[in-house]
Amino acid sequence: MAQSGIDHLIINSPFEEPKTHWHYDRPTRAFTKAEGRRPAGYVIATPGSQAFDDPGIFVDLPLVNAIRPRVKTWREDGYAGVSGITRRLLEHWNSTEERPYPMFFCQLEAMETLIWLVEGPASERVGIEIPGDGGKFSRLCSKMATGSGKTIVMGMLIAWQVLNKVTYPQDARFSKNILVVAPGLTVKSRLGVLMPDSPGNIYQEFGIVPAGLAEKMRLG
């Protein structure tokens, strides 16, 4: 049933893939609780509108919406094609026994997507083309909301790359050299936890790296 406002904002668990979402009908400006996950996209202002309550225009992100179901199928099929180190990390991140608390679904999905783009079977990535800028390096972006744990995902990303490169030094898909860019000195200081040898580093503090692989992290 459509309603003019949202009386209950949180309708999903942060630890599971969203099962429902609030659908906003812009012509009527009404909300309806809909089954399934909200399509990926963003809202821009209506051209020429000067209204304070402009509902905007929803712009779909077709590439994201094409990738999401493929990553989900790949996850459910057991992460085909990944290296032994990557599989160990994925098992660890999904474990409710090895880690003191679970990862958010958005954190796991962000890492699964990046891993799938690099290690997933080529046959499963047919038709998925990430636009480049003509430069030497690929640019992959994980967009996450404020408060969703981006720094932890940065740690997961670094661990995935470093541990794989140290274990498989000839594999060009991985690197043990990491460049972290921060927007200012305050954020730079906070990101010091990404250094494996720093006190209270994120890999130990949040259980990102299994105990048996901690020493390898210091080789990055």
N, C-alpha and C. Protein backbone atom coordinates (compact mmCIF):
# COMPACT_ATOMS: atom_id res chain seq x y z
N MET A 1 0.84 -1.20 0.00
CA MET A 1 0.00 0.00 0.00
C MET A 1 0.88 1.25 0.00
N ALA A 2 0.59 2.18 -0.89
CA ALA A 2 1.38 3.40 -1.00
C ALA A 2 1.12 4.30 0.20
N GLN A 3 2.17 5.02 0.62
CA GLN A 3 2.05 5.94 1.73
C GLN A 3 2.92 7.16 1.46
N SER A 4 2.53 8.29 2.08
CA SER A 4 3.21 9.55 1.79
C SER A 4 4.56 9.67 2.49
N GLY A 5 4.77 8.89 3.55
CA GLY A 5 6.03 8.94 4.28
C GLY A 5 6.46 7.55 4.70
N ILE A 6 7.69 7.45 5.23
CA ILE A 6 8.22 6.17 5.69
C ILE A 6 8.14 6.13 7.21
N ASP A 7 7.40 5.17 7.74
CA ASP A 7 7.24 5.08 9.19
C ASP A 7 8.27 4.16 9.84
N HIS A 8 8.94 3.36 9.02
CA HIS A 8 9.93 2.43 9.56
C HIS A 8 11.08 2.37 8.56
N LEU A 9 12.14 3.10 8.83
CA LEU A 9 13.20 3.27 7.84
C LEU A 9 14.01 1.99 7.63
N ILE A 10 14.41 1.34 8.71
CA ILE A 10 15.27 0.15 8.60
C ILE A 10 14.39 -1.09 8.45
N ILE A 11 14.47 -1.75 7.30
CA ILE A 11 13.61 -2.91 7.04
C ILE A 11 14.43 -4.14 6.65
N ASN A 12 15.77 -4.04 6.73
CA ASN A 12 16.63 -5.17 6.41
C ASN A 12 17.73 -5.31 7.44
N SER A 13 18.27 -6.51 7.55
CA SER A 13 19.44 -6.73 8.41
C SER A 13 20.69 -6.30 7.67
N PRO A 14 21.66 -5.63 8.33
CA PRO A 14 22.89 -5.23 7.66
C PRO A 14 23.79 -6.42 7.32
N PHE A 15 23.46 -7.59 7.87
CA PHE A 15 24.30 -8.76 7.67
C PHE A 15 23.79 -9.69 6.57
N GLU A 16 22.71 -9.30 5.91
CA GLU A 16 22.13 -10.12 4.85
C GLU A 16 21.82 -9.25 3.63
N GLU A 17 21.74 -9.89 2.48
CA GLU A 17 21.35 -9.17 1.28
C GLU A 17 19.93 -8.62 1.47
N PRO A 18 19.70 -7.35 1.11
CA PRO A 18 18.37 -6.76 1.29
C PRO A 18 17.28 -7.59 0.61
N LYS A 19 16.19 -7.79 1.33
CA LYS A 19 15.07 -8.58 0.81
C LYS A 19 13.91 -7.69 0.36
N THR A 20 13.84 -6.48 0.90
CA THR A 20 12.79 -5.53 0.54
C THR A 20 13.39 -4.13 0.46
N HIS A 21 12.66 -3.23 -0.14
CA HIS A 21 13.13 -1.84 -0.20
C HIS A 21 11.93 -0.91 -0.33
N TRP A 22 12.16 0.35 -0.01
CA TRP A 22 11.13 1.36 -0.20
C TRP A 22 11.22 1.89 -1.63
N HIS A 23 10.17 1.68 -2.38
CA HIS A 23 10.10 2.20 -3.75
C HIS A 23 9.42 3.56 -3.72
N TYR A 24 10.06 4.52 -4.36
CA TYR A 24 9.51 5.88 -4.39
C TYR A 24 8.97 6.18 -5.77
N ASP A 25 7.67 6.46 -5.83
CA ASP A 25 7.03 6.81 -7.10
C ASP A 25 7.06 8.33 -7.24
N ARG A 26 7.89 8.82 -8.13
CA ARG A 26 8.09 10.27 -8.23
C ARG A 26 6.86 11.05 -8.69
N PRO A 27 6.08 10.54 -9.65
CA PRO A 27 4.88 11.31 -10.05
C PRO A 27 3.90 11.53 -8.90
N THR A 28 3.70 10.50 -8.06
CA THR A 28 2.74 10.63 -6.95
C THR A 28 3.42 10.99 -5.64
N ARG A 29 4.75 10.87 -5.62
CA ARG A 29 5.55 11.14 -4.41
C ARG A 29 5.10 10.27 -3.25
N ALA A 30 4.87 9.01 -3.56
CA ALA A 30 4.42 8.06 -2.55
C ALA A 30 5.42 6.91 -2.44
N PHE A 31 5.50 6.31 -1.25
CA PHE A 31 6.40 5.19 -0.98
C PHE A 31 5.62 3.89 -0.89
N THR A 32 6.21 2.83 -1.43
CA THR A 32 5.62 1.50 -1.33
C THR A 32 6.72 0.52 -0.97
N LYS A 33 6.46 -0.33 0.02
CA LYS A 33 7.44 -1.36 0.37
C LYS A 33 7.39 -2.45 -0.69
N ALA A 34 8.51 -2.63 -1.38
CA ALA A 34 8.56 -3.58 -2.49
C ALA A 34 9.48 -4.74 -2.16
N GLU A 35 9.17 -5.89 -2.76
CA GLU A 35 10.01 -7.07 -2.57
C GLU A 35 11.29 -6.93 -3.37
N GLY A 36 12.36 -7.55 -2.89
CA GLY A 36 13.62 -7.56 -3.61
C GLY A 36 14.49 -6.36 -3.28
N ARG A 37 15.63 -6.35 -3.92
CA ARG A 37 16.63 -5.31 -3.67
C ARG A 37 16.39 -4.10 -4.56
N ARG A 38 16.67 -2.92 -4.04
CA ARG A 38 16.51 -1.71 -4.84
C ARG A 38 17.54 -1.70 -5.97
N PRO A 39 17.15 -1.39 -7.18
CA PRO A 39 18.12 -1.29 -8.29
C PRO A 39 19.16 -0.22 -7.98
N ALA A 40 20.38 -0.43 -8.45
CA ALA A 40 21.44 0.54 -8.24
C ALA A 40 21.22 1.75 -9.14
N GLY A 41 21.44 2.92 -8.59
CA GLY A 41 21.28 4.14 -9.36
C GLY A 41 21.47 5.35 -8.47
N TYR A 42 21.21 6.51 -9.02
CA TYR A 42 21.34 7.74 -8.24
C TYR A 42 20.30 8.74 -8.74
N VAL A 43 20.10 9.79 -7.98
CA VAL A 43 19.07 10.77 -8.29
C VAL A 43 19.72 12.11 -8.64
N ILE A 44 19.27 12.71 -9.72
CA ILE A 44 19.72 14.05 -10.09
C ILE A 44 18.53 15.00 -10.05
N ALA A 45 18.81 16.27 -9.93
CA ALA A 45 17.73 17.27 -9.89
C ALA A 45 17.02 17.34 -11.23
N THR A 46 15.74 17.58 -11.18
CA THR A 46 14.96 17.76 -12.41
C THR A 46 15.42 19.03 -13.11
N PRO A 47 15.81 18.93 -14.38
CA PRO A 47 16.29 20.12 -15.10
C PRO A 47 15.29 21.27 -15.04
N GLY A 48 15.76 22.42 -14.63
CA GLY A 48 14.92 23.61 -14.58
C GLY A 48 14.09 23.75 -13.33
N SER A 49 14.05 22.73 -12.49
CA SER A 49 13.22 22.80 -11.29
C SER A 49 13.88 23.65 -10.22
N GLN A 50 13.08 24.49 -9.58
CA GLN A 50 13.57 25.30 -8.46
C GLN A 50 12.78 25.01 -7.20
N ALA A 51 12.00 23.92 -7.23
CA ALA A 51 11.17 23.55 -6.08
C ALA A 51 12.03 22.98 -4.96
N PHE A 52 11.71 23.34 -3.73
CA PHE A 52 12.50 22.85 -2.59
C PHE A 52 12.28 21.34 -2.37
N ASP A 53 11.14 20.83 -2.85
CA ASP A 53 10.84 19.41 -2.67
C ASP A 53 10.89 18.66 -4.00
N ASP A 54 11.75 19.09 -4.89
CA ASP A 54 11.92 18.44 -6.19
C ASP A 54 12.23 16.95 -6.00
N PRO A 55 11.41 16.03 -6.51
CA PRO A 55 11.66 14.60 -6.34
C PRO A 55 12.84 14.09 -7.16
N GLY A 56 13.30 14.86 -8.12
CA GLY A 56 14.45 14.48 -8.92
C GLY A 56 14.15 13.41 -9.95
N ILE A 57 15.21 13.00 -10.64
CA ILE A 57 15.11 11.96 -11.67
C ILE A 57 16.06 10.84 -11.32
N PHE A 58 15.57 9.62 -11.32
CA PHE A 58 16.40 8.45 -11.00
C PHE A 58 17.18 8.02 -12.25
N VAL A 59 18.49 7.88 -12.09
CA VAL A 59 19.36 7.45 -13.18
C VAL A 59 19.87 6.04 -12.86
N ASP A 60 19.53 5.11 -13.69
CA ASP A 60 19.91 3.71 -13.49
C ASP A 60 21.39 3.49 -13.75
N LEU A 61 22.00 2.52 -13.03
CA LEU A 61 23.39 2.12 -13.26
C LEU A 61 23.36 0.69 -13.81
N PRO A 62 23.19 0.55 -15.12
CA PRO A 62 23.00 -0.78 -15.72
C PRO A 62 24.18 -1.73 -15.50
N LEU A 63 25.41 -1.23 -15.46
CA LEU A 63 26.56 -2.11 -15.27
C LEU A 63 26.53 -2.74 -13.88
N VAL A 64 26.23 -1.93 -12.87
CA VAL A 64 26.14 -2.45 -11.50
C VAL A 64 25.00 -3.47 -11.41
N ASN A 65 23.87 -3.15 -12.00
CA ASN A 65 22.71 -4.06 -11.94
C ASN A 65 22.94 -5.35 -12.72
N ALA A 66 23.87 -5.33 -13.68
CA ALA A 66 24.22 -6.55 -14.40
C ALA A 66 25.22 -7.40 -13.61
N ILE A 67 26.11 -6.73 -12.88
CA ILE A 67 27.14 -7.44 -12.11
C ILE A 67 26.57 -8.11 -10.87
N ARG A 68 25.69 -7.43 -10.16
CA ARG A 68 25.19 -7.94 -8.88
C ARG A 68 24.66 -9.38 -8.94
N PRO A 69 23.76 -9.72 -9.87
CA PRO A 69 23.24 -11.10 -9.89
C PRO A 69 24.30 -12.11 -10.27
N ARG A 70 25.28 -11.72 -11.08
CA ARG A 70 26.34 -12.66 -11.45
C ARG A 70 27.23 -12.96 -10.25
N VAL A 71 27.54 -11.95 -9.47
CA VAL A 71 28.34 -12.16 -8.26
C VAL A 71 27.57 -13.03 -7.27
N LYS A 72 26.27 -12.80 -7.17
CA LYS A 72 25.45 -13.60 -6.27
C LYS A 72 25.48 -15.07 -6.68
N THR A 73 25.31 -15.35 -7.96
CA THR A 73 25.36 -16.74 -8.45
C THR A 73 26.73 -17.35 -8.19
N TRP A 74 27.78 -16.59 -8.45
CA TRP A 74 29.15 -17.05 -8.23
C TRP A 74 29.39 -17.37 -6.76
N ARG A 75 28.87 -16.53 -5.88
CA ARG A 75 28.98 -16.76 -4.43
C ARG A 75 28.27 -18.06 -4.04
N GLU A 76 27.05 -18.22 -4.53
CA GLU A 76 26.26 -19.40 -4.17
C GLU A 76 26.85 -20.69 -4.74
N ASP A 77 27.62 -20.56 -5.83
CA ASP A 77 28.25 -21.73 -6.43
C ASP A 77 29.62 -22.04 -5.84
N GLY A 78 30.05 -21.26 -4.84
CA GLY A 78 31.29 -21.59 -4.15
C GLY A 78 32.54 -20.87 -4.62
N TYR A 79 32.39 -19.70 -5.23
CA TYR A 79 33.55 -18.88 -5.63
C TYR A 79 34.49 -19.61 -6.59
N ALA A 80 33.96 -20.05 -7.69
CA ALA A 80 34.77 -20.79 -8.68
C ALA A 80 35.92 -19.94 -9.20
N GLY A 81 37.10 -20.58 -9.35
CA GLY A 81 38.24 -19.94 -10.00
C GLY A 81 39.20 -19.20 -9.09
N VAL A 82 38.86 -19.02 -7.82
CA VAL A 82 39.74 -18.22 -6.96
C VAL A 82 40.95 -19.02 -6.50
N SER A 83 42.00 -18.29 -6.12
CA SER A 83 43.22 -18.94 -5.62
C SER A 83 42.97 -19.52 -4.22
N GLY A 84 43.93 -20.32 -3.77
CA GLY A 84 43.81 -20.91 -2.44
C GLY A 84 43.78 -19.86 -1.35
N ILE A 85 44.60 -18.82 -1.49
CA ILE A 85 44.64 -17.74 -0.50
C ILE A 85 43.32 -16.99 -0.49
N THR A 86 42.81 -16.66 -1.67
CA THR A 86 41.54 -15.94 -1.75
C THR A 86 40.41 -16.76 -1.13
N ARG A 87 40.39 -18.04 -1.39
CA ARG A 87 39.35 -18.90 -0.81
C ARG A 87 39.45 -18.91 0.71
N ARG A 88 40.67 -18.96 1.22
CA ARG A 88 40.86 -18.96 2.67
C ARG A 88 40.34 -17.65 3.27
N LEU A 89 40.62 -16.54 2.61
CA LEU A 89 40.14 -15.25 3.11
C LEU A 89 38.62 -15.18 3.07
N LEU A 90 38.02 -15.63 1.98
CA LEU A 90 36.56 -15.59 1.87
C LEU A 90 35.90 -16.47 2.94
N GLU A 91 36.49 -17.63 3.19
CA GLU A 91 35.97 -18.50 4.24
C GLU A 91 36.07 -17.83 5.60
N HIS A 92 37.21 -17.17 5.83
CA HIS A 92 37.44 -16.48 7.10
C HIS A 92 36.47 -15.33 7.29
N TRP A 93 36.28 -14.53 6.24
CA TRP A 93 35.39 -13.37 6.34
C TRP A 93 33.94 -13.78 6.53
N ASN A 94 33.57 -14.94 6.03
CA ASN A 94 32.19 -15.41 6.18
C ASN A 94 31.97 -16.25 7.43
N SER A 95 33.04 -16.55 8.15
CA SER A 95 32.95 -17.43 9.30
C SER A 95 32.35 -16.72 10.52
N THR A 96 31.48 -17.41 11.21
CA THR A 96 30.92 -16.88 12.45
C THR A 96 31.64 -17.47 13.66
N GLU A 97 32.61 -18.33 13.40
CA GLU A 97 33.37 -18.94 14.48
C GLU A 97 34.79 -18.38 14.59
N GLU A 98 35.43 -18.09 13.45
CA GLU A 98 36.80 -17.60 13.45
C GLU A 98 36.88 -16.12 13.82
N ARG A 99 35.85 -15.37 13.52
CA ARG A 99 35.88 -13.93 13.75
C ARG A 99 34.94 -13.54 14.89
N PRO A 100 35.29 -12.47 15.63
CA PRO A 100 34.48 -12.10 16.78
C PRO A 100 33.10 -11.56 16.43
N TYR A 101 32.92 -11.04 15.22
CA TYR A 101 31.62 -10.51 14.81
C TYR A 101 31.55 -10.56 13.29
N PRO A 102 30.35 -10.62 12.74
CA PRO A 102 30.21 -10.77 11.28
C PRO A 102 30.48 -9.48 10.52
N MET A 103 30.87 -9.65 9.26
CA MET A 103 31.00 -8.51 8.36
C MET A 103 29.60 -8.07 7.91
N PHE A 104 29.48 -6.80 7.56
CA PHE A 104 28.25 -6.34 6.93
C PHE A 104 28.16 -6.97 5.53
N PHE A 105 26.94 -7.18 5.07
CA PHE A 105 26.75 -7.72 3.71
C PHE A 105 27.40 -6.81 2.68
N CYS A 106 27.26 -5.50 2.84
CA CYS A 106 27.82 -4.58 1.84
C CYS A 106 29.34 -4.68 1.79
N GLN A 107 29.99 -4.97 2.93
CA GLN A 107 31.44 -5.13 2.95
C GLN A 107 31.86 -6.39 2.19
N LEU A 108 31.17 -7.48 2.49
CA LEU A 108 31.48 -8.74 1.81
C LEU A 108 31.21 -8.63 0.32
N GLU A 109 30.08 -8.04 -0.05
CA GLU A 109 29.74 -7.95 -1.47
C GLU A 109 30.73 -7.05 -2.23
N ALA A 110 31.19 -5.99 -1.58
CA ALA A 110 32.17 -5.12 -2.22
C ALA A 110 33.43 -5.91 -2.57
N MET A 111 33.91 -6.71 -1.60
CA MET A 111 35.12 -7.50 -1.85
C MET A 111 34.85 -8.63 -2.83
N GLU A 112 33.72 -9.28 -2.71
CA GLU A 112 33.38 -10.36 -3.65
C GLU A 112 33.34 -9.83 -5.08
N THR A 113 32.81 -8.64 -5.26
CA THR A 113 32.71 -8.07 -6.60
C THR A 113 34.10 -7.79 -7.18
N LEU A 114 34.97 -7.19 -6.38
CA LEU A 114 36.33 -6.91 -6.84
C LEU A 114 37.07 -8.21 -7.16
N ILE A 115 36.91 -9.20 -6.30
CA ILE A 115 37.57 -10.50 -6.52
C ILE A 115 37.02 -11.15 -7.78
N TRP A 116 35.70 -11.11 -7.95
CA TRP A 116 35.07 -11.71 -9.13
C TRP A 116 35.58 -11.08 -10.42
N LEU A 117 35.76 -9.76 -10.41
CA LEU A 117 36.24 -9.07 -11.60
C LEU A 117 37.68 -9.46 -11.95
N VAL A 118 38.45 -9.88 -10.95
CA VAL A 118 39.85 -10.24 -11.17
C VAL A 118 40.06 -11.75 -11.29
N GLU A 119 39.39 -12.52 -10.44
CA GLU A 119 39.64 -13.96 -10.37
C GLU A 119 38.50 -14.83 -10.88
N GLY A 120 37.33 -14.26 -11.06
CA GLY A 120 36.20 -15.06 -11.50
C GLY A 120 36.43 -15.62 -12.89
N PRO A 121 35.78 -16.74 -13.23
CA PRO A 121 35.92 -17.34 -14.56
C PRO A 121 35.56 -16.34 -15.66
N ALA A 122 36.39 -16.29 -16.69
CA ALA A 122 36.16 -15.36 -17.79
C ALA A 122 34.80 -15.59 -18.44
N SER A 123 34.36 -16.85 -18.46
CA SER A 123 33.08 -17.17 -19.09
C SER A 123 31.91 -16.52 -18.37
N GLU A 124 32.08 -16.25 -17.07
CA GLU A 124 31.01 -15.64 -16.29
C GLU A 124 31.02 -14.12 -16.40
N ARG A 125 32.07 -13.57 -16.99
CA ARG A 125 32.19 -12.12 -17.11
C ARG A 125 31.96 -11.63 -18.54
N VAL A 126 31.46 -12.52 -19.38
CA VAL A 126 31.18 -12.13 -20.77
C VAL A 126 30.14 -11.00 -20.79
N GLY A 127 30.44 -9.95 -21.53
CA GLY A 127 29.51 -8.83 -21.63
C GLY A 127 29.71 -7.76 -20.57
N ILE A 128 30.57 -8.03 -19.60
CA ILE A 128 30.86 -7.05 -18.56
C ILE A 128 32.14 -6.31 -18.93
N GLU A 129 32.01 -5.09 -19.34
CA GLU A 129 33.15 -4.28 -19.74
C GLU A 129 33.22 -3.04 -18.85
N ILE A 130 34.31 -2.94 -18.08
CA ILE A 130 34.49 -1.78 -17.22
C ILE A 130 35.16 -0.68 -18.03
N PRO A 131 34.51 0.47 -18.22
CA PRO A 131 35.11 1.54 -19.03
C PRO A 131 36.43 2.01 -18.42
N GLY A 132 37.42 2.27 -19.27
CA GLY A 132 38.70 2.78 -18.81
C GLY A 132 38.91 4.21 -19.27
N ASP A 133 40.04 4.77 -18.86
CA ASP A 133 40.36 6.14 -19.27
C ASP A 133 41.54 6.18 -20.23
N GLY A 134 41.93 4.99 -20.72
CA GLY A 134 43.05 4.92 -21.65
C GLY A 134 44.40 4.81 -20.98
N GLY A 135 44.42 4.86 -19.65
CA GLY A 135 45.68 4.77 -18.92
C GLY A 135 46.15 3.34 -18.74
N LYS A 136 47.26 3.18 -18.06
CA LYS A 136 47.89 1.88 -17.90
C LYS A 136 47.13 0.97 -16.94
N PHE A 137 46.48 1.56 -15.95
CA PHE A 137 45.85 0.76 -14.90
C PHE A 137 44.32 0.74 -15.02
N SER A 138 43.75 -0.39 -14.64
CA SER A 138 42.29 -0.48 -14.57
C SER A 138 41.80 0.29 -13.35
N ARG A 139 40.62 0.87 -13.47
CA ARG A 139 40.03 1.61 -12.35
C ARG A 139 38.73 0.91 -11.97
N LEU A 140 38.71 0.34 -10.78
CA LEU A 140 37.51 -0.30 -10.26
C LEU A 140 37.08 0.45 -9.01
N CYS A 141 35.81 0.77 -8.93
CA CYS A 141 35.31 1.58 -7.82
C CYS A 141 34.25 0.82 -7.04
N SER A 142 34.39 0.85 -5.70
CA SER A 142 33.35 0.33 -4.82
C SER A 142 32.74 1.53 -4.09
N LYS A 143 31.53 1.85 -4.43
CA LYS A 143 30.87 2.97 -3.77
C LYS A 143 30.09 2.46 -2.56
N MET A 144 30.41 3.03 -1.39
CA MET A 144 29.75 2.58 -0.16
C MET A 144 29.29 3.79 0.65
N ALA A 145 28.22 3.61 1.38
CA ALA A 145 27.64 4.70 2.15
C ALA A 145 28.49 5.03 3.38
N THR A 146 28.35 6.25 3.86
CA THR A 146 29.02 6.65 5.09
C THR A 146 28.56 5.75 6.24
N GLY A 147 29.52 5.26 7.02
CA GLY A 147 29.19 4.40 8.15
C GLY A 147 29.10 2.93 7.82
N SER A 148 29.33 2.56 6.56
CA SER A 148 29.20 1.16 6.17
C SER A 148 30.52 0.38 6.32
N GLY A 149 31.58 1.05 6.76
CA GLY A 149 32.82 0.35 7.03
C GLY A 149 33.78 0.30 5.86
N LYS A 150 34.02 1.46 5.24
CA LYS A 150 34.91 1.49 4.07
C LYS A 150 36.36 1.17 4.44
N THR A 151 36.82 1.62 5.61
CA THR A 151 38.21 1.37 6.00
C THR A 151 38.46 -0.13 6.15
N ILE A 152 37.48 -0.84 6.67
CA ILE A 152 37.62 -2.29 6.80
C ILE A 152 37.72 -2.93 5.41
N VAL A 153 36.93 -2.44 4.47
CA VAL A 153 37.01 -2.97 3.10
C VAL A 153 38.38 -2.66 2.50
N MET A 154 38.93 -1.49 2.80
CA MET A 154 40.28 -1.18 2.34
C MET A 154 41.28 -2.20 2.89
N GLY A 155 41.12 -2.55 4.16
CA GLY A 155 41.98 -3.56 4.77
C GLY A 155 41.80 -4.92 4.12
N MET A 156 40.57 -5.28 3.82
CA MET A 156 40.29 -6.55 3.16
C MET A 156 40.93 -6.58 1.77
N LEU A 157 40.82 -5.45 1.06
CA LEU A 157 41.39 -5.33 -0.28
C LEU A 157 42.91 -5.47 -0.24
N ILE A 158 43.54 -4.79 0.72
CA ILE A 158 44.99 -4.86 0.86
C ILE A 158 45.42 -6.29 1.21
N ALA A 159 44.72 -6.91 2.15
CA ALA A 159 45.06 -8.28 2.55
C ALA A 159 44.94 -9.24 1.37
N TRP A 160 43.87 -9.10 0.59
CA TRP A 160 43.67 -9.97 -0.58
C TRP A 160 44.82 -9.84 -1.56
N GLN A 161 45.22 -8.61 -1.86
CA GLN A 161 46.29 -8.39 -2.82
C GLN A 161 47.65 -8.84 -2.28
N VAL A 162 48.00 -8.39 -1.09
CA VAL A 162 49.33 -8.68 -0.53
C VAL A 162 49.53 -10.17 -0.29
N LEU A 163 48.57 -10.80 0.35
CA LEU A 163 48.73 -12.22 0.68
C LEU A 163 48.82 -13.08 -0.57
N ASN A 164 48.07 -12.72 -1.60
CA ASN A 164 48.16 -13.47 -2.85
C ASN A 164 49.51 -13.24 -3.53
N LYS A 165 50.00 -11.99 -3.53
CA LYS A 165 51.27 -11.70 -4.20
C LYS A 165 52.45 -12.36 -3.50
N VAL A 166 52.43 -12.34 -2.17
CA VAL A 166 53.50 -12.98 -1.41
C VAL A 166 53.50 -14.49 -1.64
N THR A 167 52.32 -15.07 -1.74
CA THR A 167 52.19 -16.52 -1.95
C THR A 167 52.46 -16.91 -3.39
N TYR A 168 51.98 -16.09 -4.32
CA TYR A 168 52.15 -16.38 -5.75
C TYR A 168 52.86 -15.20 -6.41
N PRO A 169 54.16 -15.03 -6.19
CA PRO A 169 54.89 -13.84 -6.66
C PRO A 169 54.87 -13.62 -8.17
N GLN A 170 54.62 -14.67 -8.95
CA GLN A 170 54.62 -14.52 -10.40
C GLN A 170 53.25 -14.14 -10.96
N ASP A 171 52.25 -14.10 -10.12
CA ASP A 171 50.89 -13.80 -10.59
C ASP A 171 50.71 -12.29 -10.73
N ALA A 172 50.61 -11.82 -11.96
CA ALA A 172 50.54 -10.38 -12.25
C ALA A 172 49.21 -9.74 -11.84
N ARG A 173 48.24 -10.55 -11.44
CA ARG A 173 46.96 -9.98 -11.03
C ARG A 173 47.04 -9.31 -9.66
N PHE A 174 48.12 -9.61 -8.92
CA PHE A 174 48.23 -9.14 -7.54
C PHE A 174 49.46 -8.26 -7.35
N SER A 175 49.43 -7.46 -6.29
CA SER A 175 50.55 -6.59 -5.96
C SER A 175 50.74 -6.53 -4.45
N LYS A 176 51.98 -6.40 -4.02
CA LYS A 176 52.25 -6.20 -2.59
C LYS A 176 52.63 -4.74 -2.31
N ASN A 177 52.52 -3.91 -3.34
CA ASN A 177 52.75 -2.47 -3.19
C ASN A 177 51.40 -1.76 -3.25
N ILE A 178 51.05 -1.04 -2.19
CA ILE A 178 49.73 -0.43 -2.07
C ILE A 178 49.87 1.08 -1.88
N LEU A 179 49.13 1.85 -2.65
CA LEU A 179 49.09 3.31 -2.49
C LEU A 179 47.72 3.69 -1.96
N VAL A 180 47.71 4.33 -0.81
CA VAL A 180 46.46 4.80 -0.22
C VAL A 180 46.43 6.32 -0.31
N VAL A 181 45.39 6.86 -0.92
CA VAL A 181 45.25 8.31 -1.09
C VAL A 181 44.19 8.82 -0.14
N ALA A 182 44.55 9.81 0.68
CA ALA A 182 43.61 10.38 1.65
C ALA A 182 43.34 11.85 1.31
N PRO A 183 42.16 12.35 1.63
CA PRO A 183 41.80 13.73 1.28
C PRO A 183 42.37 14.78 2.23
N GLY A 184 43.07 14.37 3.29
CA GLY A 184 43.61 15.35 4.22
C GLY A 184 44.41 14.67 5.31
N LEU A 185 45.09 15.46 6.13
CA LEU A 185 45.97 14.90 7.16
C LEU A 185 45.20 14.14 8.24
N THR A 186 43.99 14.60 8.56
CA THR A 186 43.20 13.93 9.60
C THR A 186 42.83 12.52 9.15
N VAL A 187 42.35 12.40 7.93
CA VAL A 187 42.00 11.08 7.41
C VAL A 187 43.24 10.23 7.23
N LYS A 188 44.32 10.85 6.78
CA LYS A 188 45.58 10.11 6.62
C LYS A 188 46.00 9.48 7.94
N SER A 189 45.87 10.24 9.02
CA SER A 189 46.23 9.72 10.34
C SER A 189 45.35 8.54 10.73
N ARG A 190 44.06 8.66 10.46
CA ARG A 190 43.13 7.58 10.80
C ARG A 190 43.44 6.32 10.01
N LEU A 191 43.91 6.49 8.77
CA LEU A 191 44.20 5.33 7.92
C LEU A 191 45.52 4.68 8.24
N GLY A 192 46.21 5.17 9.27
CA GLY A 192 47.44 4.53 9.71
C GLY A 192 47.22 3.10 10.15
N VAL A 193 45.99 2.76 10.51
CA VAL A 193 45.68 1.39 10.94
C VAL A 193 45.81 0.40 9.80
N LEU A 194 45.95 0.89 8.57
CA LEU A 194 46.12 0.00 7.42
C LEU A 194 47.55 -0.51 7.29
N MET A 195 48.47 0.05 8.07
CA MET A 195 49.84 -0.45 8.08
C MET A 195 49.89 -1.69 8.97
N PRO A 196 50.30 -2.84 8.43
CA PRO A 196 50.25 -4.09 9.20
C PRO A 196 51.04 -4.09 10.50
N ASP A 197 52.09 -3.25 10.59
CA ASP A 197 52.91 -3.24 11.80
C ASP A 197 52.53 -2.13 12.77
N SER A 198 51.42 -1.42 12.50
CA SER A 198 51.00 -0.34 13.40
C SER A 198 50.24 -0.90 14.60
N PRO A 199 50.38 -0.27 15.78
CA PRO A 199 49.62 -0.72 16.96
C PRO A 199 48.12 -0.63 16.67
N GLY A 200 47.39 -1.66 17.03
CA GLY A 200 45.95 -1.67 16.79
C GLY A 200 45.59 -1.70 15.33
N ASN A 201 46.46 -2.31 14.50
CA ASN A 201 46.17 -2.35 13.06
C ASN A 201 44.86 -3.07 12.79
N ILE A 202 44.26 -2.71 11.69
CA ILE A 202 42.90 -3.15 11.37
C ILE A 202 42.81 -4.65 11.10
N TYR A 203 43.93 -5.26 10.68
CA TYR A 203 43.92 -6.68 10.33
C TYR A 203 43.73 -7.57 11.56
N GLN A 204 44.33 -7.14 12.67
CA GLN A 204 44.17 -7.88 13.91
C GLN A 204 42.93 -7.41 14.67
N GLU A 205 42.76 -6.08 14.72
CA GLU A 205 41.67 -5.50 15.50
C GLU A 205 40.31 -5.99 15.03
N PHE A 206 40.14 -6.14 13.73
CA PHE A 206 38.85 -6.55 13.17
C PHE A 206 38.88 -7.96 12.58
N GLY A 207 39.93 -8.69 12.86
CA GLY A 207 40.00 -10.08 12.42
C GLY A 207 39.93 -10.26 10.92
N ILE A 208 40.59 -9.37 10.18
CA ILE A 208 40.54 -9.44 8.72
C ILE A 208 41.41 -10.57 8.18
N VAL A 209 42.54 -10.82 8.84
CA VAL A 209 43.49 -11.83 8.37
C VAL A 209 43.52 -13.01 9.34
N PRO A 210 43.40 -14.23 8.83
CA PRO A 210 43.52 -15.41 9.70
C PRO A 210 44.86 -15.42 10.41
N ALA A 211 44.90 -15.93 11.62
CA ALA A 211 46.12 -15.91 12.44
C ALA A 211 47.32 -16.50 11.70
N GLY A 212 47.12 -17.56 10.95
CA GLY A 212 48.22 -18.22 10.27
C GLY A 212 48.83 -17.43 9.13
N LEU A 213 48.17 -16.34 8.71
CA LEU A 213 48.66 -15.54 7.59
C LEU A 213 49.16 -14.16 8.02
N ALA A 214 49.14 -13.89 9.32
CA ALA A 214 49.50 -12.56 9.81
C ALA A 214 50.92 -12.17 9.44
N GLU A 215 51.86 -13.10 9.54
CA GLU A 215 53.26 -12.77 9.23
C GLU A 215 53.45 -12.40 7.77
N LYS A 216 52.71 -13.05 6.88
CA LYS A 216 52.82 -12.73 5.46
C LYS A 216 52.40 -11.30 5.15
N MET A 217 51.46 -10.76 5.95
CA MET A 217 50.99 -9.41 5.69
C MET A 217 52.13 -8.39 5.82
N ARG A 218 53.09 -8.68 6.68
CA ARG A 218 54.18 -7.73 6.91
C ARG A 218 55.16 -7.66 5.75
N LEU A 219 54.99 -8.53 4.76
CA LEU A 219 55.87 -8.52 3.59
C LEU A 219 55.35 -7.58 2.52
N GLY A 220 54.17 -7.00 2.76
CA GLY A 220 53.62 -6.05 1.80
C GLY A 220 54.16 -4.65 2.05
